[in-house]
């Protein structure tokens, strides 16, 4: 069993109270039944999350919209699970959705997992979105240092020269300086 699926299953088992409905949903191999949970009225949040996650791991694109909603949820565990499933879904819309969430200044408190997902996807949208998000985090007294640090680390991992300027600016921020030095070292020198 996928380690993330195991963790999600245990978390949702507790959230659901370990009901028979949960056990049935966790055990079914019927993708249509899982997809129906995503569209049926009155389904509990745990059921929608479990169905979307399992469909995402199976590569079933009917899970896309639900997973994007969970990627932007206030609960970090739900965001992490959604990011994991979206990375495996291989839907071409995923990078654009993650970039939109990462750069939405009104939802920046929930941008950590979209940023990490962009890095994992290594999509064309990743570097511009991370640069935009990091540049906004370089304001004095910005409270979203974890998001900024994820951007710095991600830009280093992506190794794209377009990030050199914003990473150089990040050197002036004590919380980010060490990570920025490491990230800059990973970007090939221009000739």
C-alpha atoms as a PDB file:
ATOM      1  CA  UNK A   1       0.000   0.000   0.000  1.00  0.00           C
ATOM      2  CA  UNK A   2       1.200   3.519  -0.849  1.00  0.00           C
ATOM      3  CA  UNK A   3       2.503   5.109   2.390  1.00  0.00           C
ATOM      4  CA  UNK A   4       0.465   8.276   1.824  1.00  0.00           C
ATOM      5  CA  UNK A   5      -2.653   6.170   1.224  1.00  0.00           C
ATOM      6  CA  UNK A   6      -2.006   4.319   4.464  1.00  0.00           C
ATOM      7  CA  UNK A   7      -1.626   7.569   6.446  1.00  0.00           C
ATOM      8  CA  UNK A   8      -4.693   9.103   4.822  1.00  0.00           C
ATOM      9  CA  UNK A   9      -6.748   5.973   5.424  1.00  0.00           C
ATOM     10  CA  UNK A  10      -5.846   5.918   9.112  1.00  0.00           C
ATOM     11  CA  UNK A  11      -6.577   9.636   9.538  1.00  0.00           C
ATOM     12  CA  UNK A  12      -9.932   9.346   7.794  1.00  0.00           C
ATOM     13  CA  UNK A  13     -10.826   6.154   9.639  1.00  0.00           C
ATOM     14  CA  UNK A  14     -10.541   8.137  12.868  1.00  0.00           C
ATOM     15  CA  UNK A  15     -12.401  11.117  11.411  1.00  0.00           C
ATOM     16  CA  UNK A  16     -15.263   8.898  10.223  1.00  0.00           C
ATOM     17  CA  UNK A  17     -15.431   6.936  13.440  1.00  0.00           C
ATOM     18  CA  UNK A  18     -14.495   3.746  11.593  1.00  0.00           C
ATOM     19  CA  UNK A  19     -18.016   3.276  10.265  1.00  0.00           C
ATOM     20  CA  UNK A  20     -19.061   0.483   7.934  1.00  0.00           C
ATOM     21  CA  UNK A  21     -19.501   3.119   5.207  1.00  0.00           C
ATOM     22  CA  UNK A  22     -15.861   4.109   5.625  1.00  0.00           C
ATOM     23  CA  UNK A  23     -14.610   0.513   5.496  1.00  0.00           C
ATOM     24  CA  UNK A  24     -16.674  -0.143   2.358  1.00  0.00           C
ATOM     25  CA  UNK A  25     -15.351   2.969   0.631  1.00  0.00           C
ATOM     26  CA  UNK A  26     -11.768   2.184   1.661  1.00  0.00           C
ATOM     27  CA  UNK A  27     -12.024  -1.349   0.288  1.00  0.00           C
ATOM     28  CA  UNK A  28     -13.903  -0.855  -2.974  1.00  0.00           C
ATOM     29  CA  UNK A  29     -12.101  -1.196  -6.266  1.00  0.00           C
ATOM     30  CA  UNK A  30     -15.070   0.247  -8.177  1.00  0.00           C
ATOM     31  CA  UNK A  31     -13.930   3.576  -9.630  1.00  0.00           C
ATOM     32  CA  UNK A  32     -17.459   4.498 -10.640  1.00  0.00           C
ATOM     33  CA  UNK A  33     -18.587   4.095  -7.032  1.00  0.00           C
ATOM     34  CA  UNK A  34     -15.703   6.310  -5.905  1.00  0.00           C
ATOM     35  CA  UNK A  35     -16.550   8.932  -8.540  1.00  0.00           C
ATOM     36  CA  UNK A  36     -20.190   8.897  -7.464  1.00  0.00           C
ATOM     37  CA  UNK A  37     -19.122   9.902  -3.941  1.00  0.00           C
ATOM     38  CA  UNK A  38     -17.604  13.067  -5.435  1.00  0.00           C
ATOM     39  CA  UNK A  39     -20.876  14.172  -7.022  1.00  0.00           C
ATOM     40  CA  UNK A  40     -23.553  12.809  -4.673  1.00  0.00           C
ATOM     41  CA  UNK A  41     -25.233  15.257  -2.322  1.00  0.00           C
ATOM     42  CA  UNK A  42     -24.712  14.973   1.403  1.00  0.00           C
ATOM     43  CA  UNK A  43     -21.419  13.072   1.383  1.00  0.00           C
ATOM     44  CA  UNK A  44     -19.179  13.755   4.386  1.00  0.00           C
ATOM     45  CA  UNK A  45     -15.844  15.463   3.809  1.00  0.00           C
ATOM     46  CA  UNK A  46     -13.872  12.336   4.759  1.00  0.00           C
ATOM     47  CA  UNK A  47     -15.723  10.309   2.092  1.00  0.00           C
ATOM     48  CA  UNK A  48     -15.057  12.873  -0.630  1.00  0.00           C
ATOM     49  CA  UNK A  49     -11.395  13.078   0.334  1.00  0.00           C
ATOM     50  CA  UNK A  50     -10.916   9.311   0.372  1.00  0.00           C
ATOM     51  CA  UNK A  51     -12.681   8.873  -2.959  1.00  0.00           C
ATOM     52  CA  UNK A  52     -10.722  11.701  -4.622  1.00  0.00           C
ATOM     53  CA  UNK A  53      -7.404  10.448  -3.284  1.00  0.00           C
ATOM     54  CA  UNK A  54      -7.978   6.864  -4.393  1.00  0.00           C
ATOM     55  CA  UNK A  55      -9.159   7.968  -7.843  1.00  0.00           C
ATOM     56  CA  UNK A  56      -6.129  10.254  -8.143  1.00  0.00           C
ATOM     57  CA  UNK A  57      -3.739   7.425  -7.343  1.00  0.00           C
ATOM     58  CA  UNK A  58      -5.525   5.303  -9.926  1.00  0.00           C
ATOM     59  CA  UNK A  59      -5.017   7.987 -12.584  1.00  0.00           C
ATOM     60  CA  UNK A  60      -8.756   8.683 -12.896  1.00  0.00           C
ATOM     61  CA  UNK A  61      -9.158  12.323 -13.918  1.00  0.00           C
ATOM     62  CA  UNK A  62     -12.656  12.536 -12.450  1.00  0.00           C
ATOM     63  CA  UNK A  63     -10.830  13.289  -9.190  1.00  0.00           C
ATOM     64  CA  UNK A  64      -9.130  16.441 -10.487  1.00  0.00           C
ATOM     65  CA  UNK A  65     -11.564  19.125  -9.306  1.00  0.00           C
ATOM     66  CA  UNK A  66     -12.003  17.602  -5.852  1.00  0.00           C
ATOM     67  CA  UNK A  67      -8.253  17.187  -5.404  1.00  0.00           C
ATOM     68  CA  UNK A  68      -7.642  20.831  -6.348  1.00  0.00           C
ATOM     69  CA  UNK A  69     -10.192  21.894  -3.738  1.00  0.00           C
ATOM     70  CA  UNK A  70      -8.418  19.766  -1.130  1.00  0.00           C
ATOM     71  CA  UNK A  71      -5.053  21.192  -2.227  1.00  0.00           C
ATOM     72  CA  UNK A  72      -6.368  24.597  -1.137  1.00  0.00           C
ATOM     73  CA  UNK A  73      -7.931  23.395   2.141  1.00  0.00           C
ATOM     74  CA  UNK A  74      -7.133  24.955   5.517  1.00  0.00           C
ATOM     75  CA  UNK A  75      -6.131  21.542   6.920  1.00  0.00           C
ATOM     76  CA  UNK A  76      -2.464  20.843   6.004  1.00  0.00           C
ATOM     77  CA  UNK A  77      -2.996  17.065   6.063  1.00  0.00           C
ATOM     78  CA  UNK A  78      -5.709  17.381   3.423  1.00  0.00           C
ATOM     79  CA  UNK A  79      -3.461  19.620   1.324  1.00  0.00           C
ATOM     80  CA  UNK A  80      -0.572  17.164   1.547  1.00  0.00           C
ATOM     81  CA  UNK A  81      -2.751  14.222   0.539  1.00  0.00           C
ATOM     82  CA  UNK A  82      -4.205  16.133  -2.395  1.00  0.00           C
ATOM     83  CA  UNK A  83      -0.745  17.162  -3.594  1.00  0.00           C
ATOM     84  CA  UNK A  84       0.420  13.556  -3.435  1.00  0.00           C
ATOM     85  CA  UNK A  85      -2.566  12.319  -5.448  1.00  0.00           C
ATOM     86  CA  UNK A  86      -2.376  15.172  -7.972  1.00  0.00           C
ATOM     87  CA  UNK A  87       1.276  14.419  -8.648  1.00  0.00           C
ATOM     88  CA  UNK A  88       0.312  10.870  -9.573  1.00  0.00           C
ATOM     89  CA  UNK A  89      -2.855  11.771 -11.473  1.00  0.00           C
ATOM     90  CA  UNK A  90      -0.852  13.099 -14.453  1.00  0.00           C
ATOM     91  CA  UNK A  91      -3.598  15.513 -15.463  1.00  0.00           C
ATOM     92  CA  UNK A  92      -2.258  18.301 -17.707  1.00  0.00           C
ATOM     93  CA  UNK A  93      -4.352  20.870 -15.781  1.00  0.00           C
ATOM     94  CA  UNK A  94      -2.553  20.196 -12.499  1.00  0.00           C
ATOM     95  CA  UNK A  95       0.416  22.539 -12.924  1.00  0.00           C
ATOM     96  CA  UNK A  96      -1.758  25.485 -13.928  1.00  0.00           C
ATOM     97  CA  UNK A  97      -4.076  24.890 -10.960  1.00  0.00           C
ATOM     98  CA  UNK A  98      -1.143  24.591  -8.545  1.00  0.00           C
ATOM     99  CA  UNK A  99       0.442  27.764  -9.951  1.00  0.00           C
ATOM    100  CA  UNK A 100      -2.841  29.629  -9.533  1.00  0.00           C
ATOM    101  CA  UNK A 101      -3.136  28.504  -5.919  1.00  0.00           C
ATOM    102  CA  UNK A 102       0.522  29.233  -5.139  1.00  0.00           C
ATOM    103  CA  UNK A 103       0.261  32.796  -6.448  1.00  0.00           C
ATOM    104  CA  UNK A 104      -3.161  33.649  -4.977  1.00  0.00           C
ATOM    105  CA  UNK A 105      -2.247  36.276  -2.405  1.00  0.00           C
ATOM    106  CA  UNK A 106      -5.633  35.928  -0.695  1.00  0.00           C
ATOM    107  CA  UNK A 107      -4.887  32.249   0.038  1.00  0.00           C
ATOM    108  CA  UNK A 108      -1.144  32.456   0.654  1.00  0.00           C
ATOM    109  CA  UNK A 109      -1.562  30.813   4.062  1.00  0.00           C
ATOM    110  CA  UNK A 110      -2.406  27.615   2.144  1.00  0.00           C
ATOM    111  CA  UNK A 111       0.253  27.936  -0.592  1.00  0.00           C
ATOM    112  CA  UNK A 112       2.863  25.592   0.899  1.00  0.00           C
ATOM    113  CA  UNK A 113       1.594  22.393  -0.705  1.00  0.00           C
ATOM    114  CA  UNK A 114       0.858  23.951  -4.121  1.00  0.00           C
ATOM    115  CA  UNK A 115       4.453  25.268  -4.124  1.00  0.00           C
ATOM    116  CA  UNK A 116       5.840  21.834  -3.277  1.00  0.00           C
ATOM    117  CA  UNK A 117       3.622  20.221  -5.905  1.00  0.00           C
ATOM    118  CA  UNK A 118       4.912  22.602  -8.585  1.00  0.00           C
ATOM    119  CA  UNK A 119       8.470  21.621  -7.751  1.00  0.00           C
ATOM    120  CA  UNK A 120       7.616  17.937  -7.894  1.00  0.00           C
ATOM    121  CA  UNK A 121       5.877  18.362 -11.268  1.00  0.00           C
ATOM    122  CA  UNK A 122       8.770  20.380 -12.740  1.00  0.00           C
ATOM    123  CA  UNK A 123       6.227  21.943 -15.100  1.00  0.00           C
ATOM    124  CA  UNK A 124       6.857  25.113 -17.152  1.00  0.00           C
ATOM    125  CA  UNK A 125       4.557  27.022 -14.761  1.00  0.00           C
ATOM    126  CA  UNK A 126       6.701  26.182 -11.733  1.00  0.00           C
ATOM    127  CA  UNK A 127       9.546  28.689 -11.946  1.00  0.00           C
ATOM    128  CA  UNK A 128       7.423  31.783 -12.771  1.00  0.00           C
ATOM    129  CA  UNK A 129       4.921  30.906 -10.026  1.00  0.00           C
ATOM    130  CA  UNK A 130       7.624  30.306  -7.407  1.00  0.00           C
ATOM    131  CA  UNK A 131       9.424  33.526  -8.346  1.00  0.00           C
ATOM    132  CA  UNK A 132       6.177  35.502  -8.009  1.00  0.00           C
ATOM    133  CA  UNK A 133       5.288  33.899  -4.701  1.00  0.00           C
ATOM    134  CA  UNK A 134       8.777  34.343  -3.244  1.00  0.00           C
ATOM    135  CA  UNK A 135       9.058  37.961  -4.359  1.00  0.00           C
ATOM    136  CA  UNK A 136       5.840  38.738  -2.437  1.00  0.00           C
ATOM    137  CA  UNK A 137       7.218  36.977   0.661  1.00  0.00           C
ATOM    138  CA  UNK A 138      10.293  39.219   0.733  1.00  0.00           C
ATOM    139  CA  UNK A 139       8.302  42.104   2.193  1.00  0.00           C
ATOM    140  CA  UNK A 140       9.245  43.189   5.715  1.00  0.00           C
ATOM    141  CA  UNK A 141       7.472  41.223   8.470  1.00  0.00           C
ATOM    142  CA  UNK A 142       5.823  38.765   6.081  1.00  0.00           C
ATOM    143  CA  UNK A 143       4.321  35.973   8.224  1.00  0.00           C
ATOM    144  CA  UNK A 144       4.561  33.224   5.587  1.00  0.00           C
ATOM    145  CA  UNK A 145       8.190  32.192   5.969  1.00  0.00           C
ATOM    146  CA  UNK A 146       7.461  28.492   5.438  1.00  0.00           C
ATOM    147  CA  UNK A 147       6.022  29.334   2.024  1.00  0.00           C
ATOM    148  CA  UNK A 148       9.033  31.537   1.258  1.00  0.00           C
ATOM    149  CA  UNK A 149      11.442  28.807   2.318  1.00  0.00           C
ATOM    150  CA  UNK A 150       9.613  26.243   0.163  1.00  0.00           C
ATOM    151  CA  UNK A 151       9.953  28.622  -2.797  1.00  0.00           C
ATOM    152  CA  UNK A 152      13.673  29.112  -2.177  1.00  0.00           C
ATOM    153  CA  UNK A 153      14.289  25.369  -1.847  1.00  0.00           C
ATOM    154  CA  UNK A 154      12.100  24.651  -4.867  1.00  0.00           C
ATOM    155  CA  UNK A 155      13.823  27.197  -7.068  1.00  0.00           C
ATOM    156  CA  UNK A 156      17.176  25.692  -6.117  1.00  0.00           C
ATOM    157  CA  UNK A 157      15.886  22.235  -6.957  1.00  0.00           C
ATOM    158  CA  UNK A 158      14.575  23.410 -10.326  1.00  0.00           C
ATOM    159  CA  UNK A 159      17.935  25.065 -11.093  1.00  0.00           C
ATOM    160  CA  UNK A 160      16.538  27.655 -13.501  1.00  0.00           C
ATOM    161  CA  UNK A 161      18.612  30.802 -14.097  1.00  0.00           C
ATOM    162  CA  UNK A 162      15.489  32.984 -14.082  1.00  0.00           C
ATOM    163  CA  UNK A 163      15.410  32.546 -10.286  1.00  0.00           C
ATOM    164  CA  UNK A 164      18.863  34.014  -9.694  1.00  0.00           C
ATOM    165  CA  UNK A 165      17.605  37.589  -9.081  1.00  0.00           C
ATOM    166  CA  UNK A 166      14.903  36.735  -6.538  1.00  0.00           C
ATOM    167  CA  UNK A 167      17.200  34.270  -4.758  1.00  0.00           C
ATOM    168  CA  UNK A 168      19.855  36.981  -4.535  1.00  0.00           C
ATOM    169  CA  UNK A 169      17.236  39.275  -2.981  1.00  0.00           C
ATOM    170  CA  UNK A 170      16.368  36.503  -0.496  1.00  0.00           C
ATOM    171  CA  UNK A 171      19.957  36.599   0.803  1.00  0.00           C
ATOM    172  CA  UNK A 172      19.043  39.808   2.660  1.00  0.00           C
ATOM    173  CA  UNK A 173      16.471  37.945   4.782  1.00  0.00           C
ATOM    174  CA  UNK A 174      18.112  36.119   7.699  1.00  0.00           C
ATOM    175  CA  UNK A 175      15.489  33.362   7.784  1.00  0.00           C
ATOM    176  CA  UNK A 176      16.035  32.622   4.087  1.00  0.00           C
ATOM    177  CA  UNK A 177      19.717  33.442   3.600  1.00  0.00           C
ATOM    178  CA  UNK A 178      21.206  29.992   4.210  1.00  0.00           C
ATOM    179  CA  UNK A 179      18.658  28.287   1.970  1.00  0.00           C
ATOM    180  CA  UNK A 180      19.162  30.968  -0.696  1.00  0.00           C
ATOM    181  CA  UNK A 181      22.929  30.340  -0.708  1.00  0.00           C
ATOM    182  CA  UNK A 182      22.281  26.611  -1.248  1.00  0.00           C
ATOM    183  CA  UNK A 183      19.694  27.326  -3.949  1.00  0.00           C
ATOM    184  CA  UNK A 184      21.973  29.722  -5.830  1.00  0.00           C
ATOM    185  CA  UNK A 185      24.742  27.131  -5.750  1.00  0.00           C
ATOM    186  CA  UNK A 186      22.453  24.711  -7.599  1.00  0.00           C
ATOM    187  CA  UNK A 187      21.774  27.102 -10.478  1.00  0.00           C
ATOM    188  CA  UNK A 188      24.281  26.727 -13.320  1.00  0.00           C
ATOM    189  CA  UNK A 189      26.404  29.805 -13.992  1.00  0.00           C
ATOM    190  CA  UNK A 190      25.651  31.700 -17.172  1.00  0.00           C
ATOM    191  CA  UNK A 191      28.498  31.960 -19.656  1.00  0.00           C
END
